[in-house]
Amino acid sequence: MNTKTILGILPLLIGIPSYAHYIHSVYTRKTTPHMYSWLIWAVLASISFIAQVDAGAGPGAWNTGFTALVCLIVFALATKFGERKLSKLDALLLFMALVSILALFLINNAVLAVLLTTVAACIGFSLTIKKAYREPNQENKITFSLNSIRNLISLFALSSITFVTFFYPLCMMLANFAVVVTVLTRKRKLGTVLSSPDDSP
């Protein structure tokens, strides 16, 4: 087993317990995920995963594929246990996801597909950061920290470093890290105590 393979497996080992806890909390009705948010994240991660594989990302793409799979599982649970209201932003992000699919498969432009999916994912994260600023108690810094670490490790597992393979995990690493910084900064200022699980990929 070479170094790239080990670095490709490590993010999965980090992600499994974190997401297992989240999925269990959904199944036991302790957490109410937003159905369309997880659908959007599943589609976006799937598109990026396919683009990465086609671009020769190797083990570095496994983390993105794992994220897509987990998001699909949570989406399936959310159809029964989650929130189903479709907001205007949800509709916009779904539209961007569909355009990304067209760019990847019909226009055959992986760069455009990855760019659109990453922008859509970052828009979603901007809302999480805004929420973390207002209510840092309702976001879990541990989960976001682990997600940031997973994406960082996956960058070193890439067999081919190009815009298509590198851009999405890099932005997801930074987005998760931004949530952690926001939570820590606001908690320090407000003197609050972290108590509730998060709702992010």
Foldseek 3Di string as FASTA:
>chain_A
DDPLLVLLCVLVVLVVVLLVVVLVCQVVLVDAAELLVLVLLLLLLVLLLVLLVVVQFPSLSNNSVVSNVSSVVVNVSNVPRHHHDQDPLSVVSVVLSVVLVCCCPVVVHLLSSNVSSQVSQLVVLVVLLVVCLVPVQAEDLVSLQSLLVSLVSSQVSTPDDDCSNNVNSVSSNVSSVSSNVSSVVNCVVVVDDHDHYDHDD
